[in-house]
Amino acid sequence: MPRKQSDVEKSLLVKGFRSREGDHNYFNYYSKAGKKTAIFTKTSHGAREIDDSLLGCMARQCKLSRADFDRLIECPLDRNSYEAKLIAQGAVEAPPA
């Protein structure tokens, strides 16, 4: 199911991504410790909706299944749970104890 671009972007920002503009709208994930990670995704300028195939690509870029990416956007998957998934995958360093 396509989603509104503005809803996806707002949700990413709430979940620890920071935006920067270029030829697209880029979103980099920053860990809760404030460190920039290699996790990023992007959206196009001027698009109003993001179709299913692009949402699947964004999910892979965010190191999530499509179902988990939907949960990330809809908010049942909060930032703490998302970061725990990234740490378990080895995509983000665990914070110091």
Protein backbone atom coordinates (compact mmCIF):
# COMPACT_ATOMS: atom_id res chain seq x y z
CA MET A 1 0.00 0.00 0.00
CA PRO A 2 1.52 3.38 -0.99
CA ARG A 3 2.21 5.85 1.79
CA LYS A 4 2.31 9.62 1.91
CA GLN A 5 5.87 10.85 1.59
CA SER A 6 5.35 13.44 4.32
CA ASP A 7 4.19 10.75 6.78
CA VAL A 8 7.23 8.57 6.04
CA GLU A 9 9.66 11.47 6.39
CA LYS A 10 8.12 12.72 9.66
CA SER A 11 8.27 9.24 11.16
CA LEU A 12 11.93 8.79 10.16
CA LEU A 13 12.82 12.06 11.86
CA VAL A 14 11.10 10.98 15.08
CA LYS A 15 12.95 7.64 15.03
CA GLY A 16 16.45 9.13 15.04
CA PHE A 17 17.08 9.94 11.39
CA ARG A 18 18.35 13.38 10.41
CA SER A 19 17.66 14.89 7.02
CA ARG A 20 19.85 16.64 4.54
CA GLU A 21 18.96 17.81 1.08
CA GLY A 22 20.70 17.18 -2.19
CA ASP A 23 19.37 15.76 -5.41
CA HIS A 24 16.97 13.85 -3.09
CA ASN A 25 15.93 14.13 0.55
CA TYR A 26 18.51 12.02 2.40
CA PHE A 27 17.96 10.57 5.87
CA ASN A 28 20.89 9.27 7.95
CA TYR A 29 20.32 7.36 11.17
CA TYR A 30 22.10 8.67 14.26
CA SER A 31 22.39 6.29 17.20
CA LYS A 32 21.00 7.26 20.56
CA ALA A 33 24.62 8.01 21.51
CA GLY A 34 24.59 10.69 18.78
CA LYS A 35 26.91 8.87 16.36
CA LYS A 36 26.20 8.96 12.63
CA THR A 37 25.73 5.42 11.30
CA ALA A 38 25.92 3.87 7.85
CA ILE A 39 22.12 3.45 7.85
CA PHE A 40 20.47 5.82 5.39
CA THR A 41 17.58 6.11 2.98
CA LYS A 42 16.19 8.77 0.68
CA THR A 43 13.01 10.13 -0.86
CA SER A 44 12.51 12.14 -4.02
CA HIS A 45 11.78 15.84 -4.13
CA GLY A 46 8.21 16.60 -5.11
CA ALA A 47 6.79 13.09 -4.73
CA ARG A 48 3.54 12.96 -2.81
CA GLU A 49 3.33 9.19 -2.37
CA ILE A 50 5.87 6.40 -2.13
CA ASP A 51 4.85 3.18 -3.89
CA ASP A 52 5.32 -0.35 -2.57
CA SER A 53 8.48 -1.13 -4.51
CA LEU A 54 10.23 1.99 -3.21
CA LEU A 55 9.04 1.29 0.33
CA GLY A 56 10.64 -2.15 0.02
CA CYS A 57 13.92 -0.53 -1.05
CA MET A 58 13.74 1.90 1.86
CA ALA A 59 13.12 -1.01 4.27
CA ARG A 60 16.27 -2.80 3.04
CA GLN A 61 18.30 0.42 3.34
CA CYS A 62 17.07 0.77 6.93
CA LYS A 63 18.04 -2.88 7.63
CA LEU A 64 14.43 -3.93 8.24
CA SER A 65 11.91 -6.30 6.75
CA ARG A 66 9.08 -4.59 4.93
CA ALA A 67 6.69 -5.48 7.77
CA ASP A 68 9.06 -3.97 10.36
CA PHE A 69 9.53 -0.87 8.20
CA ASP A 70 5.74 -0.42 8.13
CA ARG A 71 5.75 -0.76 11.91
CA LEU A 72 8.54 1.84 12.11
CA ILE A 73 6.49 4.29 10.06
CA GLU A 74 3.22 3.57 11.90
CA CYS A 75 5.02 3.90 15.28
CA PRO A 76 4.49 0.52 16.99
CA LEU A 77 8.25 0.01 16.44
CA ASP A 78 9.81 2.72 18.60
CA ARG A 79 13.33 4.06 18.41
CA ASN A 80 14.63 1.87 21.26
CA SER A 81 13.33 -1.29 19.58
CA TYR A 82 14.67 -0.19 16.20
CA GLU A 83 18.12 0.48 17.59
CA ALA A 84 18.07 -2.88 19.43
CA LYS A 85 17.40 -4.59 16.07
CA LEU A 86 20.30 -2.71 14.48
CA ILE A 87 22.64 -3.65 17.34
CA ALA A 88 21.57 -7.32 17.08
CA GLN A 89 22.40 -7.25 13.34
CA GLY A 90 25.76 -5.61 14.02
CA ALA A 91 24.76 -2.57 11.96
CA VAL A 92 25.15 -0.19 14.93
CA GLU A 93 27.57 -0.37 17.85
CA ALA A 94 26.07 -1.05 21.26
CA PRO A 95 26.39 1.90 23.62
CA PRO A 96 29.08 1.61 26.32
CA ALA A 97 27.86 0.00 29.51
